[in-house]
């Protein structure tokens, strides 16, 4: 009898231990699964219509660009600055057939592509509005409000005109008679050097060139001098220029070069297709893929050419923007906020297609979606 009771106690004890192990395993499995899910998906899901901002029709939303603490509304007959509640702070009439908008820090240049007009804005006003004698083919604006325009030319490949921060034309514009068609332009951080990429089609093969102009003050006027000109090792068209880590970086579809005042050298990257490049606090953010139709990936490279981050993003990069040491990138229906060192500060999924993104300070992003303008504090 005593032996039977002992066996029953042992069985009961074994059942209790088994039950505890099952519960513990279930809890552990739950947390492991939850961690795995968080690695594969966004940190949270956000309904954009529930966020602060204002609603509008899709056709209207396409005209909004995040700018300073609001949005710039750009149309063919008007450029206006709106607060994030939708109130107009200022508005100016323009006559642009094909308006384009480019930003540099707290400034924006709006120009009529293949037209003759352009204008410059900050958060307070239209700084100036001017016209050109030749058609505008492209433009850039520096953080100091210097503007460079790529213009057509009847007797040359093209020309590059520079405008200072007060709207004065720098008298000696650069006319490309030998170097080829100007494709892209970019200032350095203090607007003392302008880099120009050109494409020469005269020979048997297409030949790219990189030209540097230095800007200096002479008798209270800014003049541009020839500084350097380089050719590249291959025949890839140089379509993008950024200034990062106190140097110009120039990019073709599958090639990259470092350009200084002394030399040009190949940047040691090996990506099949480089789709987007931009600078974040002297770190190169490079969106690439392994081929057409492949998933987009992000590589972050510091000023010593060390890769500090390299991971998949998604199928379609909708928009990106930067602020100090941070970048916001919209991919598919996800919005990521990165620090320049590769840390992911925020990762959310949204319920609408995103058109453009921007920052308001360090902890808030502007999202222009198909339904309007929204903000999200991360």
Protein backbone atom coordinates (compact mmCIF):
# COMPACT_ATOMS: atom_id res chain seq x y z
CA UNK A 1 0.00 0.00 0.00
CA UNK A 2 2.79 2.37 0.95
CA UNK A 3 4.65 1.44 -2.22
CA UNK A 4 1.58 2.35 -4.33
CA UNK A 5 1.28 5.74 -2.66
CA UNK A 6 4.96 6.38 -3.35
CA UNK A 7 4.52 5.56 -7.04
CA UNK A 8 1.49 7.87 -7.27
CA UNK A 9 3.45 10.73 -5.66
CA UNK A 10 6.32 10.22 -8.11
CA UNK A 11 3.90 10.23 -11.06
CA UNK A 12 2.19 13.38 -9.77
CA UNK A 13 5.54 15.10 -9.30
CA UNK A 14 6.62 14.08 -12.80
CA UNK A 15 3.36 15.44 -14.26
CA UNK A 16 3.87 18.77 -12.45
CA UNK A 17 7.44 19.05 -13.77
CA UNK A 18 6.22 18.19 -17.27
CA UNK A 19 3.49 20.83 -17.05
CA UNK A 20 5.98 23.47 -15.90
CA UNK A 21 8.33 22.59 -18.77
CA UNK A 22 5.48 22.82 -21.31
CA UNK A 23 4.45 26.26 -19.99
CA UNK A 24 8.05 27.48 -19.94
CA UNK A 25 8.63 26.21 -23.49
CA UNK A 26 5.45 27.92 -24.71
CA UNK A 27 6.48 31.23 -23.14
CA UNK A 28 9.97 30.95 -24.60
CA UNK A 29 8.58 30.07 -28.03
CA UNK A 30 6.24 33.08 -27.84
CA UNK A 31 9.08 35.53 -27.15
CA UNK A 32 11.36 33.98 -29.76
CA UNK A 33 8.57 34.19 -32.35
CA UNK A 34 7.83 37.76 -31.36
CA UNK A 35 11.49 38.74 -31.72
CA UNK A 36 11.70 37.04 -35.12
CA UNK A 37 8.55 38.86 -36.27
CA UNK A 38 9.95 42.21 -35.15
CA UNK A 39 13.11 41.55 -37.15
CA UNK A 40 11.10 40.76 -40.26
CA UNK A 41 8.45 43.51 -39.99
CA UNK A 42 8.03 47.12 -38.93
CA UNK A 43 8.07 48.19 -35.31
CA UNK A 44 4.52 49.53 -35.61
CA UNK A 45 1.73 50.19 -38.09
CA UNK A 46 0.55 53.78 -38.56
CA UNK A 47 -2.70 55.00 -40.08
CA UNK A 48 -1.65 58.23 -41.79
CA UNK A 49 -5.11 59.77 -41.88
CA UNK A 50 -5.12 59.66 -38.07
CA UNK A 51 -1.94 61.76 -37.83
CA UNK A 52 -1.67 65.53 -37.69
CA UNK A 53 -1.67 67.47 -40.97
CA UNK A 54 -4.28 68.09 -43.63
CA UNK A 55 -6.11 66.07 -46.26
CA UNK A 56 -6.30 66.75 -49.99
CA UNK A 57 -6.94 64.99 -53.29
CA UNK A 58 -4.20 62.90 -54.91
CA UNK A 59 -3.71 65.42 -57.74
CA UNK A 60 -3.18 68.15 -55.15
CA UNK A 61 -0.81 66.05 -53.03
CA UNK A 62 1.55 65.63 -55.98
CA UNK A 63 2.27 69.37 -55.83
CA UNK A 64 3.55 69.36 -52.21
CA UNK A 65 7.22 69.15 -51.20
CA UNK A 66 8.39 68.98 -47.55
CA UNK A 67 10.31 72.19 -46.90
CA UNK A 68 11.60 73.60 -43.59
CA UNK A 69 8.71 73.33 -41.10
CA UNK A 70 5.97 73.02 -43.74
CA UNK A 71 5.48 72.22 -47.40
CA UNK A 72 6.14 74.07 -50.64
CA UNK A 73 3.28 73.88 -53.14
CA UNK A 74 4.62 74.13 -56.69
CA UNK A 75 2.39 74.63 -59.74
CA UNK A 76 2.88 76.21 -63.14
CA UNK A 77 1.31 79.50 -62.07
CA UNK A 78 2.03 79.72 -58.34
CA UNK A 79 4.59 78.78 -55.68
CA UNK A 80 3.31 78.89 -52.10
CA UNK A 81 4.58 77.91 -48.66
CA UNK A 82 2.03 76.21 -46.38
CA UNK A 83 2.14 75.32 -42.70
CA UNK A 84 1.52 71.72 -41.63
CA UNK A 85 -2.07 72.62 -40.86
CA UNK A 86 -2.61 73.69 -44.49
CA UNK A 87 -2.56 77.47 -43.99
CA UNK A 88 -0.73 79.50 -46.62
CA UNK A 89 2.16 81.56 -45.22
CA UNK A 90 3.01 83.17 -48.57
CA UNK A 91 2.38 82.72 -52.28
CA UNK A 92 3.90 84.13 -55.49
CA UNK A 93 2.72 84.00 -59.09
CA UNK A 94 4.96 82.34 -61.69
CA UNK A 95 4.62 81.28 -65.32
CA UNK A 96 6.29 77.88 -65.67
CA UNK A 97 5.25 75.25 -68.19
CA UNK A 98 7.18 72.39 -66.56
CA UNK A 99 8.10 73.39 -62.99
CA UNK A 100 10.79 71.47 -61.10
CA UNK A 101 11.94 71.95 -57.52
CA UNK A 102 15.39 71.36 -55.96
CA UNK A 103 16.37 71.92 -52.32
CA UNK A 104 19.55 72.87 -50.50
CA UNK A 105 19.32 73.17 -46.72
CA UNK A 106 16.75 75.88 -45.92
CA UNK A 107 16.48 77.05 -49.54
CA UNK A 108 14.61 75.92 -52.64
CA UNK A 109 15.02 76.78 -56.31
CA UNK A 110 12.00 76.29 -58.58
CA UNK A 111 12.74 76.37 -62.30
CA UNK A 112 10.93 75.86 -65.58
CA UNK A 113 12.54 72.83 -67.24
CA UNK A 114 13.19 73.67 -70.90
CA UNK A 115 11.89 77.15 -70.11
CA UNK A 116 13.50 80.42 -69.09
CA UNK A 117 12.35 81.25 -65.57
CA UNK A 118 13.51 80.35 -62.06
CA UNK A 119 12.95 81.60 -58.52
CA UNK A 120 14.44 81.02 -55.06
CA UNK A 121 12.63 80.66 -51.70
CA UNK A 122 13.16 80.21 -47.99
CA UNK A 123 10.58 79.70 -45.23
CA UNK A 124 9.81 83.44 -45.08
CA UNK A 125 9.59 84.70 -48.64
CA UNK A 126 10.51 84.50 -52.30
CA UNK A 127 14.12 85.73 -52.29
CA UNK A 128 14.18 86.55 -56.00
CA UNK A 129 12.73 85.59 -59.38
CA UNK A 130 14.78 85.80 -62.58
CA UNK A 131 14.88 84.70 -66.21
CA UNK A 132 17.58 83.39 -68.53
CA UNK A 133 18.40 83.89 -72.22
CA UNK A 134 18.78 80.14 -72.87
CA UNK A 135 16.60 77.20 -71.88
CA UNK A 136 17.15 75.73 -68.42
CA UNK A 137 18.17 72.05 -68.49
CA UNK A 138 18.88 71.53 -64.79
CA UNK A 139 19.78 73.29 -61.54
CA UNK A 140 21.17 72.91 -58.05
CA UNK A 141 21.18 75.12 -54.96
CA UNK A 142 23.71 75.13 -52.13
CA UNK A 143 23.14 75.42 -48.39
CA UNK A 144 24.38 79.03 -48.76
CA UNK A 145 21.73 79.85 -51.40
CA UNK A 146 24.11 79.83 -54.38
CA UNK A 147 22.39 78.55 -57.53
CA UNK A 148 23.95 76.84 -60.53
CA UNK A 149 21.94 76.47 -63.74
CA UNK A 150 22.64 74.17 -66.67
CA UNK A 151 21.57 76.04 -69.80
CA UNK A 152 21.35 75.19 -73.45
CA UNK A 153 23.44 76.96 -76.08
CA UNK A 154 23.11 77.55 -79.82
CA UNK A 155 26.85 77.50 -80.57
CA UNK A 156 28.19 75.14 -77.84
CA UNK A 157 27.32 71.92 -76.02
CA UNK A 158 25.81 73.92 -73.19
CA UNK A 159 26.71 76.36 -70.46
CA UNK A 160 26.68 76.64 -66.68
CA UNK A 161 25.60 79.86 -64.99
CA UNK A 162 26.10 80.67 -61.30
CA UNK A 163 23.94 83.02 -59.23
CA UNK A 164 25.03 84.27 -55.78
CA UNK A 165 22.89 84.36 -52.63
CA UNK A 166 21.49 87.80 -53.49
CA UNK A 167 20.42 86.86 -57.02
CA UNK A 168 23.38 88.41 -58.85
CA UNK A 169 24.70 86.56 -61.89
CA UNK A 170 28.38 85.73 -61.67
CA UNK A 171 29.65 87.45 -64.78
CA UNK A 172 31.90 84.77 -66.28
CA UNK A 173 29.65 81.79 -66.94
CA UNK A 174 31.26 78.56 -68.15
CA UNK A 175 30.48 77.62 -71.76
CA UNK A 176 31.22 74.04 -72.80
CA UNK A 177 32.79 74.14 -76.25
CA UNK A 178 35.01 71.07 -75.91
CA UNK A 179 34.10 69.06 -72.80
CA UNK A 180 30.62 67.96 -73.91
CA UNK A 181 27.06 68.35 -72.66
CA UNK A 182 26.71 69.40 -68.99
CA UNK A 183 24.74 66.72 -67.13
CA UNK A 184 24.92 67.49 -63.38
CA UNK A 185 26.23 70.25 -61.08
CA UNK A 186 26.96 70.36 -57.33
CA UNK A 187 28.50 72.86 -54.87
CA UNK A 188 30.77 71.93 -51.99
CA UNK A 189 29.78 72.80 -48.41
CA UNK A 190 30.88 76.44 -48.43
CA UNK A 191 29.98 77.14 -52.08
CA UNK A 192 33.63 77.80 -52.97
CA UNK A 193 33.87 75.00 -55.57
CA UNK A 194 31.39 73.83 -58.19
CA UNK A 195 31.66 70.37 -59.74
CA UNK A 196 30.25 69.80 -63.25
CA UNK A 197 29.86 66.47 -65.02
CA UNK A 198 29.77 66.44 -68.82
CA UNK A 199 29.32 63.83 -71.53
CA UNK A 200 31.23 64.11 -74.80
CA UNK A 201 29.73 62.26 -77.77
CA UNK A 202 32.17 63.38 -80.48
CA UNK A 203 34.42 60.32 -80.48
CA UNK A 204 33.81 56.67 -81.21
CA UNK A 205 32.73 56.13 -77.59
CA UNK A 206 30.94 58.31 -75.08
CA UNK A 207 33.49 60.06 -72.84
CA UNK A 208 32.61 61.60 -69.45
CA UNK A 209 34.52 64.51 -67.90
CA UNK A 210 34.44 66.08 -64.43
CA UNK A 211 35.23 69.78 -64.26
CA UNK A 212 35.82 71.86 -61.11
CA UNK A 213 35.34 75.63 -60.94
CA UNK A 214 36.60 77.65 -57.96
CA UNK A 215 34.65 80.70 -56.79
CA UNK A 216 36.46 83.72 -55.35
CA UNK A 217 35.72 87.35 -54.58
CA UNK A 218 37.39 89.98 -56.78
CA UNK A 219 36.58 93.71 -56.32
CA UNK A 220 33.45 92.81 -54.34
CA UNK A 221 32.29 90.51 -57.12
CA UNK A 222 32.34 86.72 -57.21
CA UNK A 223 34.15 85.22 -60.17
CA UNK A 224 34.56 81.58 -61.25
CA UNK A 225 37.96 80.21 -62.29
CA UNK A 226 38.94 76.93 -63.93
CA UNK A 227 40.29 74.67 -61.19
CA UNK A 228 40.63 71.15 -62.59
CA UNK A 229 39.26 68.76 -65.21
CA UNK A 230 39.36 64.96 -65.15
CA UNK A 231 38.31 62.04 -67.31
CA UNK A 232 37.20 58.67 -65.92
CA UNK A 233 38.50 55.16 -66.58
CA UNK A 234 35.35 53.88 -68.24
CA UNK A 235 32.64 55.32 -70.47
CA UNK A 236 29.76 55.34 -67.97
CA UNK A 237 27.63 58.51 -67.98
CA UNK A 238 28.21 60.44 -64.73
CA UNK A 239 24.67 61.44 -63.79
CA UNK A 240 24.96 62.11 -60.02
CA UNK A 241 27.30 64.25 -57.91
CA UNK A 242 27.28 64.60 -54.13
CA UNK A 243 29.62 66.30 -51.67
CA UNK A 244 30.44 64.03 -48.74
CA UNK A 245 33.35 63.79 -46.34
CA UNK A 246 35.00 66.95 -47.73
CA UNK A 247 35.18 65.50 -51.24
CA UNK A 248 33.05 65.20 -54.34
CA UNK A 249 31.72 61.74 -55.17
CA UNK A 250 30.47 61.16 -58.72
CA UNK A 251 28.39 58.22 -59.90
CA UNK A 252 27.41 56.42 -63.05
CA UNK A 253 25.01 53.49 -63.10
CA UNK A 254 27.70 51.04 -61.95
CA UNK A 255 30.81 53.15 -61.29
CA UNK A 256 31.87 55.69 -58.69
CA UNK A 257 34.79 58.10 -58.28
CA UNK A 258 36.29 60.36 -55.62
CA UNK A 259 37.16 63.83 -56.93
CA UNK A 260 39.38 66.32 -55.12
CA UNK A 261 41.30 69.36 -56.30
CA UNK A 262 44.37 67.19 -56.75
CA UNK A 263 43.17 63.94 -58.32
CA UNK A 264 40.36 61.59 -59.29
CA UNK A 265 40.29 57.96 -58.16
CA UNK A 266 37.86 55.08 -58.36
CA UNK A 267 35.72 54.53 -55.26
CA UNK A 268 36.10 50.93 -54.19
CA UNK A 269 32.48 49.78 -54.46
CA UNK A 270 31.16 46.82 -56.40
CA UNK A 271 27.42 47.17 -56.88
CA UNK A 272 25.67 46.11 -60.08
CA UNK A 273 23.20 48.97 -60.14
CA UNK A 274 23.48 52.16 -58.04
CA UNK A 275 20.03 53.74 -57.94
CA UNK A 276 20.18 56.59 -55.38
CA UNK A 277 23.08 58.33 -53.63
CA UNK A 278 23.04 61.06 -50.99
CA UNK A 279 25.09 62.41 -48.10
CA UNK A 280 24.18 62.25 -44.41
CA UNK A 281 26.67 63.89 -42.06
CA UNK A 282 29.70 62.90 -44.20
CA UNK A 283 28.38 59.37 -44.67
CA UNK A 284 27.51 58.12 -48.14
CA UNK A 285 24.05 56.53 -48.34
CA UNK A 286 23.99 54.32 -51.44
CA UNK A 287 20.81 52.55 -52.54
CA UNK A 288 21.68 49.73 -54.92
CA UNK A 289 20.37 46.48 -56.36
CA UNK A 290 21.88 43.38 -57.92
CA UNK A 291 20.11 44.08 -61.21
CA UNK A 292 16.94 45.37 -62.83
CA UNK A 293 13.85 44.27 -60.90
CA UNK A 294 15.87 43.08 -57.89
CA UNK A 295 15.27 44.19 -54.30
CA UNK A 296 16.80 47.53 -53.28
CA UNK A 297 19.51 47.48 -50.63
CA UNK A 298 21.15 50.24 -48.59
CA UNK A 299 24.89 50.55 -48.01
CA UNK A 300 26.21 53.26 -45.70
CA UNK A 301 29.89 54.15 -46.19
CA UNK A 302 31.83 56.49 -43.91
CA UNK A 303 34.44 59.06 -44.99
CA UNK A 304 37.20 56.42 -44.65
CA UNK A 305 35.34 54.18 -47.14
CA UNK A 306 34.32 51.68 -44.46
CA UNK A 307 30.91 50.05 -44.90
CA UNK A 308 29.05 50.58 -41.61
CA UNK A 309 25.68 49.23 -42.77
CA UNK A 310 24.51 47.00 -45.60
CA UNK A 311 21.03 45.47 -45.70
CA UNK A 312 17.92 45.02 -47.83
CA UNK A 313 15.31 47.79 -48.00
CA UNK A 314 12.48 46.67 -50.28
CA UNK A 315 11.17 46.71 -53.82
CA UNK A 316 10.47 50.39 -54.61
CA UNK A 317 12.16 53.44 -53.08
CA UNK A 318 9.47 56.15 -53.15
CA UNK A 319 11.33 59.08 -51.60
CA UNK A 320 14.09 60.08 -49.20
CA UNK A 321 15.29 63.16 -47.36
CA UNK A 322 17.96 64.18 -44.87
CA UNK A 323 18.35 66.36 -41.78
CA UNK A 324 21.69 66.80 -39.99
CA UNK A 325 22.78 63.26 -39.05
CA UNK A 326 19.55 61.51 -40.07
CA UNK A 327 17.86 60.19 -43.19
CA UNK A 328 14.25 59.19 -43.79
CA UNK A 329 13.57 56.69 -46.57
CA UNK A 330 10.17 55.54 -47.85
CA UNK A 331 10.27 52.06 -49.36
CA UNK A 332 7.07 50.32 -50.51
CA UNK A 333 4.75 51.05 -47.57
CA UNK A 334 7.50 51.28 -44.96
CA UNK A 335 9.20 54.41 -43.63
CA UNK A 336 12.67 54.11 -42.09
CA UNK A 337 14.61 56.73 -40.13
CA UNK A 338 18.36 56.08 -40.01
CA UNK A 339 21.20 57.72 -38.17
CA UNK A 340 24.29 58.32 -40.28
CA UNK A 341 26.11 55.44 -38.54
CA UNK A 342 23.46 52.95 -39.72
CA UNK A 343 21.33 52.72 -36.57
CA UNK A 344 17.63 52.36 -37.37
CA UNK A 345 15.80 54.90 -35.18
CA UNK A 346 12.31 54.20 -36.50
CA UNK A 347 10.65 51.65 -38.76
CA UNK A 348 6.92 51.94 -39.40
CA UNK A 349 4.46 50.56 -41.90
CA UNK A 350 1.81 52.91 -43.32
CA UNK A 351 -1.56 52.34 -44.94
CA UNK A 352 -1.13 54.61 -47.98
CA UNK A 353 1.28 55.10 -50.87
CA UNK A 354 3.93 57.71 -50.05
CA UNK A 355 4.94 60.45 -52.50
CA UNK A 356 7.54 62.43 -50.50
CA UNK A 357 9.08 62.58 -47.04
CA UNK A 358 10.92 65.16 -44.96
CA UNK A 359 11.87 66.19 -41.43
CA UNK A 360 10.62 68.68 -38.86
CA UNK A 361 13.42 68.79 -36.32
CA UNK A 362 15.01 65.68 -34.85
CA UNK A 363 11.94 63.67 -33.89
CA UNK A 364 9.22 64.27 -36.49
CA UNK A 365 8.83 63.38 -40.15
CA UNK A 366 6.59 64.91 -42.82
CA UNK A 367 4.85 62.37 -45.03
CA UNK A 368 3.14 63.47 -48.26
CA UNK A 369 0.86 60.58 -49.21
CA UNK A 370 -1.87 60.09 -51.78
CA UNK A 371 -4.40 61.51 -49.30
CA UNK A 372 -2.57 64.58 -48.03
CA UNK A 373 0.20 65.90 -45.79
CA UNK A 374 0.83 64.17 -42.44
CA UNK A 375 3.34 64.26 -39.62
CA UNK A 376 4.57 61.41 -37.46
CA UNK A 377 6.59 61.73 -34.25
CA UNK A 378 8.92 58.79 -33.86
